[in-house]
Amino acid sequence: MSDLRIPKRAVPVEVVLPGGEARQVSIFLAEGAASHPGPERLSDLLNGSAPFIPAREAGSGVMTFLHRASIAVARVAADEEPADDSFTIPTEHEVEITLTDGARLSGLVAYVAPESRERLVDFLNRPEPFLRLMERDGVALVGRAHVARVALLTR
């Protein structure tokens, strides 16, 4: 019988669940992405269609399955979640995000959009379940369903 498994790599991720519980896990990402050149990114997986995501608990090594819609924030190293390589200059906004549990995150959102859809509200209303927030120490993928408020910090 042939082995039809897709090669994966374990990526360390901090997952924040509703209520603020943070867990250190490894999430398994493919060596190649379907939608862009290079390896699969955490954002590819989180914005995909699978309701459950396999993860290995960092301390115990226990396999766990995270319900994608229950992930409020997933933090990963910046080199694991590189910015879009397009040649278009992105629109950038410094923001503070308040989650439904009251937690606050701040950082930079950067996105490429057509001129008619480049407002921050247009970006926030995109259909992908997670948005990318560049924090000082890495990248936070924030579940849109867990966002209560976004405040613009600069113009």
C-alpha atoms as a PDB file:
ATOM      1  CA  MET A   1       0.000   0.000   0.000  1.00  0.00           C
ATOM      2  CA  SER A   2       1.414   3.429  -0.933  1.00  0.00           C
ATOM      3  CA  ASP A   3       1.768   6.256   1.552  1.00  0.00           C
ATOM      4  CA  LEU A   4      -0.457   9.108   0.350  1.00  0.00           C
ATOM      5  CA  ARG A   5       0.201  11.447   3.272  1.00  0.00           C
ATOM      6  CA  ILE A   6       1.161  15.053   2.586  1.00  0.00           C
ATOM      7  CA  PRO A   7       4.484  16.066   4.211  1.00  0.00           C
ATOM      8  CA  LYS A   8       3.830  18.439   7.122  1.00  0.00           C
ATOM      9  CA  ARG A   9       5.929  20.487   9.504  1.00  0.00           C
ATOM     10  CA  ALA A  10       5.112  21.281  13.137  1.00  0.00           C
ATOM     11  CA  VAL A  11       4.837  25.014  13.822  1.00  0.00           C
ATOM     12  CA  PRO A  12       4.700  26.405  17.390  1.00  0.00           C
ATOM     13  CA  VAL A  13       1.537  28.441  17.938  1.00  0.00           C
ATOM     14  CA  GLU A  14      -0.031  30.126  20.949  1.00  0.00           C
ATOM     15  CA  VAL A  15      -3.774  29.616  20.753  1.00  0.00           C
ATOM     16  CA  VAL A  16      -6.053  31.834  22.838  1.00  0.00           C
ATOM     17  CA  LEU A  17      -9.507  30.431  23.466  1.00  0.00           C
ATOM     18  CA  PRO A  18     -12.611  32.416  24.464  1.00  0.00           C
ATOM     19  CA  GLY A  19     -12.195  33.667  28.020  1.00  0.00           C
ATOM     20  CA  GLY A  20      -8.460  34.177  27.557  1.00  0.00           C
ATOM     21  CA  GLU A  21      -7.049  30.676  28.155  1.00  0.00           C
ATOM     22  CA  ALA A  22      -3.760  30.482  26.227  1.00  0.00           C
ATOM     23  CA  ARG A  23      -2.338  27.139  25.120  1.00  0.00           C
ATOM     24  CA  GLN A  24       1.036  26.417  23.538  1.00  0.00           C
ATOM     25  CA  VAL A  25       0.615  23.909  20.729  1.00  0.00           C
ATOM     26  CA  SER A  26       2.213  22.722  17.516  1.00  0.00           C
ATOM     27  CA  ILE A  27       0.017  22.912  14.452  1.00  0.00           C
ATOM     28  CA  PHE A  28       0.881  20.880  11.379  1.00  0.00           C
ATOM     29  CA  LEU A  29       1.235  22.792   8.104  1.00  0.00           C
ATOM     30  CA  ALA A  30       1.921  21.414   4.634  1.00  0.00           C
ATOM     31  CA  GLU A  31       5.271  21.965   2.922  1.00  0.00           C
ATOM     32  CA  GLY A  32       3.423  23.394  -0.086  1.00  0.00           C
ATOM     33  CA  ALA A  33       0.395  25.690  -0.231  1.00  0.00           C
ATOM     34  CA  ALA A  34      -2.437  25.314  -2.711  1.00  0.00           C
ATOM     35  CA  SER A  35      -3.148  29.046  -3.104  1.00  0.00           C
ATOM     36  CA  HIS A  36       0.352  30.593  -3.276  1.00  0.00           C
ATOM     37  CA  PRO A  37       4.002  29.656  -3.779  1.00  0.00           C
ATOM     38  CA  GLY A  38       5.855  28.319  -0.753  1.00  0.00           C
ATOM     39  CA  PRO A  39       4.743  26.506   2.369  1.00  0.00           C
ATOM     40  CA  GLU A  40       1.255  26.553   3.832  1.00  0.00           C
ATOM     41  CA  ARG A  41       0.743  29.358   6.363  1.00  0.00           C
ATOM     42  CA  LEU A  42      -1.277  29.237   9.552  1.00  0.00           C
ATOM     43  CA  SER A  43      -3.661  31.764   7.979  1.00  0.00           C
ATOM     44  CA  ASP A  44      -4.247  29.355   5.069  1.00  0.00           C
ATOM     45  CA  LEU A  45      -5.308  26.646   7.512  1.00  0.00           C
ATOM     46  CA  LEU A  46      -7.405  28.907   9.747  1.00  0.00           C
ATOM     47  CA  ASN A  47      -9.171  30.543   6.810  1.00  0.00           C
ATOM     48  CA  GLY A  48      -9.851  27.138   5.261  1.00  0.00           C
ATOM     49  CA  SER A  49     -12.958  25.038   5.601  1.00  0.00           C
ATOM     50  CA  ALA A  50     -11.983  22.313   8.110  1.00  0.00           C
ATOM     51  CA  PRO A  51     -13.958  22.781  11.340  1.00  0.00           C
ATOM     52  CA  PHE A  52     -11.370  20.952  13.491  1.00  0.00           C
ATOM     53  CA  ILE A  53      -7.616  21.495  13.414  1.00  0.00           C
ATOM     54  CA  PRO A  54      -5.218  18.877  14.821  1.00  0.00           C
ATOM     55  CA  ALA A  55      -2.640  20.209  17.286  1.00  0.00           C
ATOM     56  CA  ARG A  56      -0.114  18.746  19.714  1.00  0.00           C
ATOM     57  CA  GLU A  57       0.024  20.240  23.221  1.00  0.00           C
ATOM     58  CA  ALA A  58       3.549  21.586  23.804  1.00  0.00           C
ATOM     59  CA  GLY A  59       3.969  20.399  27.399  1.00  0.00           C
ATOM     60  CA  SER A  60       2.295  17.009  27.385  1.00  0.00           C
ATOM     61  CA  GLY A  61       2.527  16.007  23.724  1.00  0.00           C
ATOM     62  CA  VAL A  62      -1.177  15.097  23.798  1.00  0.00           C
ATOM     63  CA  MET A  63      -2.963  15.332  20.459  1.00  0.00           C
ATOM     64  CA  THR A  64      -5.910  17.690  20.599  1.00  0.00           C
ATOM     65  CA  PHE A  65      -8.368  18.942  18.017  1.00  0.00           C
ATOM     66  CA  LEU A  66      -9.221  22.644  18.104  1.00  0.00           C
ATOM     67  CA  HIS A  67     -12.568  23.835  16.820  1.00  0.00           C
ATOM     68  CA  ARG A  68     -11.553  26.557  14.392  1.00  0.00           C
ATOM     69  CA  ALA A  69     -14.507  28.822  15.243  1.00  0.00           C
ATOM     70  CA  SER A  70     -13.524  28.716  18.942  1.00  0.00           C
ATOM     71  CA  ILE A  71     -10.043  30.122  18.361  1.00  0.00           C
ATOM     72  CA  ALA A  72     -10.051  33.793  19.378  1.00  0.00           C
ATOM     73  CA  VAL A  73      -6.369  34.432  18.581  1.00  0.00           C
ATOM     74  CA  ALA A  74      -3.543  32.323  17.173  1.00  0.00           C
ATOM     75  CA  ARG A  75      -0.045  33.774  17.533  1.00  0.00           C
ATOM     76  CA  VAL A  76       2.868  32.633  15.405  1.00  0.00           C
ATOM     77  CA  ALA A  77       6.391  33.859  14.661  1.00  0.00           C
ATOM     78  CA  ALA A  78       6.527  36.500  11.929  1.00  0.00           C
ATOM     79  CA  ASP A  79       8.720  34.308   9.692  1.00  0.00           C
ATOM     80  CA  GLU A  80       5.996  31.620   9.696  1.00  0.00           C
ATOM     81  CA  GLU A  81       3.367  34.110   8.498  1.00  0.00           C
ATOM     82  CA  PRO A  82       5.111  36.357   5.944  1.00  0.00           C
ATOM     83  CA  ALA A  83       3.343  39.315   4.381  1.00  0.00           C
ATOM     84  CA  ASP A  84       1.861  39.013   0.909  1.00  0.00           C
ATOM     85  CA  ASP A  85       4.631  39.094  -1.706  1.00  0.00           C
ATOM     86  CA  SER A  86       2.590  41.117  -4.197  1.00  0.00           C
ATOM     87  CA  PHE A  87       4.117  44.147  -5.841  1.00  0.00           C
ATOM     88  CA  THR A  88       1.239  46.364  -4.727  1.00  0.00           C
ATOM     89  CA  ILE A  89       1.777  48.725  -1.809  1.00  0.00           C
ATOM     90  CA  PRO A  90      -0.553  47.649   1.004  1.00  0.00           C
ATOM     91  CA  THR A  91      -2.958  49.837   2.921  1.00  0.00           C
ATOM     92  CA  GLU A  92      -1.851  49.920   6.572  1.00  0.00           C
ATOM     93  CA  HIS A  93      -3.635  50.921   9.772  1.00  0.00           C
ATOM     94  CA  GLU A  94      -2.478  50.863  13.370  1.00  0.00           C
ATOM     95  CA  VAL A  95      -5.405  49.500  15.393  1.00  0.00           C
ATOM     96  CA  GLU A  96      -6.491  48.328  18.815  1.00  0.00           C
ATOM     97  CA  ILE A  97      -8.764  45.294  18.759  1.00  0.00           C
ATOM     98  CA  THR A  98     -11.027  44.519  21.713  1.00  0.00           C
ATOM     99  CA  LEU A  99     -12.217  40.932  21.868  1.00  0.00           C
ATOM    100  CA  THR A 100     -15.646  39.947  23.162  1.00  0.00           C
ATOM    101  CA  ASP A 101     -14.043  38.788  26.447  1.00  0.00           C
ATOM    102  CA  GLY A 102     -12.488  42.257  26.951  1.00  0.00           C
ATOM    103  CA  ALA A 103      -8.903  41.362  25.976  1.00  0.00           C
ATOM    104  CA  ARG A 104      -7.135  44.003  23.902  1.00  0.00           C
ATOM    105  CA  LEU A 105      -4.609  43.571  21.125  1.00  0.00           C
ATOM    106  CA  SER A 106      -2.789  46.270  19.246  1.00  0.00           C
ATOM    107  CA  GLY A 107      -0.741  46.261  16.100  1.00  0.00           C
ATOM    108  CA  LEU A 108      -0.785  46.907  12.404  1.00  0.00           C
ATOM    109  CA  VAL A 109      -3.200  45.539   9.820  1.00  0.00           C
ATOM    110  CA  ALA A 110      -1.908  45.633   6.253  1.00  0.00           C
ATOM    111  CA  TYR A 111      -3.852  44.502   3.213  1.00  0.00           C
ATOM    112  CA  VAL A 112      -4.030  44.888  -0.528  1.00  0.00           C
ATOM    113  CA  ALA A 113      -7.391  45.820  -1.997  1.00  0.00           C
ATOM    114  CA  PRO A 114      -8.822  47.534  -5.059  1.00  0.00           C
ATOM    115  CA  GLU A 115      -9.132  51.295  -4.679  1.00  0.00           C
ATOM    116  CA  SER A 116     -12.894  51.040  -4.286  1.00  0.00           C
ATOM    117  CA  ARG A 117     -12.544  48.528  -1.376  1.00  0.00           C
ATOM    118  CA  GLU A 118      -9.490  49.825   0.510  1.00  0.00           C
ATOM    119  CA  ARG A 119     -11.243  51.271   3.580  1.00  0.00           C
ATOM    120  CA  LEU A 120     -10.583  49.617   6.933  1.00  0.00           C
ATOM    121  CA  VAL A 121     -14.259  48.683   7.234  1.00  0.00           C
ATOM    122  CA  ASP A 122     -14.029  46.877   3.888  1.00  0.00           C
ATOM    123  CA  PHE A 123     -11.068  44.859   5.200  1.00  0.00           C
ATOM    124  CA  LEU A 124     -12.877  44.073   8.467  1.00  0.00           C
ATOM    125  CA  ASN A 125     -15.935  42.867   6.547  1.00  0.00           C
ATOM    126  CA  ARG A 126     -14.035  40.385   4.391  1.00  0.00           C
ATOM    127  CA  PRO A 127     -15.442  36.847   4.536  1.00  0.00           C
ATOM    128  CA  GLU A 128     -12.274  35.123   5.831  1.00  0.00           C
ATOM    129  CA  PRO A 129     -12.783  34.016   9.463  1.00  0.00           C
ATOM    130  CA  PHE A 130      -9.360  35.347  10.591  1.00  0.00           C
ATOM    131  CA  LEU A 131      -7.605  38.653  10.089  1.00  0.00           C
ATOM    132  CA  ARG A 132      -3.836  39.224  10.292  1.00  0.00           C
ATOM    133  CA  LEU A 133      -2.531  41.620  12.968  1.00  0.00           C
ATOM    134  CA  MET A 134       1.196  42.347  13.034  1.00  0.00           C
ATOM    135  CA  GLU A 135       2.220  42.659  16.675  1.00  0.00           C
ATOM    136  CA  ARG A 136       5.603  43.699  18.034  1.00  0.00           C
ATOM    137  CA  ASP A 137       6.797  40.105  18.563  1.00  0.00           C
ATOM    138  CA  GLY A 138       5.027  38.241  15.772  1.00  0.00           C
ATOM    139  CA  VAL A 139       1.731  37.823  14.001  1.00  0.00           C
ATOM    140  CA  ALA A 140      -1.673  37.347  15.620  1.00  0.00           C
ATOM    141  CA  LEU A 141      -4.433  35.793  13.563  1.00  0.00           C
ATOM    142  CA  VAL A 142      -7.612  37.117  15.149  1.00  0.00           C
ATOM    143  CA  GLY A 143     -10.949  35.339  14.793  1.00  0.00           C
ATOM    144  CA  ARG A 144     -13.371  37.914  13.403  1.00  0.00           C
ATOM    145  CA  ALA A 145     -16.220  36.231  15.314  1.00  0.00           C
ATOM    146  CA  HIS A 146     -14.430  37.105  18.586  1.00  0.00           C
ATOM    147  CA  VAL A 147     -13.903  40.803  17.784  1.00  0.00           C
ATOM    148  CA  ALA A 148     -16.135  43.264  19.638  1.00  0.00           C
ATOM    149  CA  ARG A 149     -14.451  46.511  18.534  1.00  0.00           C
ATOM    150  CA  VAL A 150     -11.651  47.828  16.339  1.00  0.00           C
ATOM    151  CA  ALA A 151     -10.293  51.304  17.071  1.00  0.00           C
ATOM    152  CA  LEU A 152      -8.132  53.154  14.573  1.00  0.00           C
ATOM    153  CA  LEU A 153      -5.044  54.502  16.360  1.00  0.00           C
ATOM    154  CA  THR A 154      -3.503  56.507  13.483  1.00  0.00           C
ATOM    155  CA  ARG A 155      -4.716  58.069  10.291  1.00  0.00           C
END
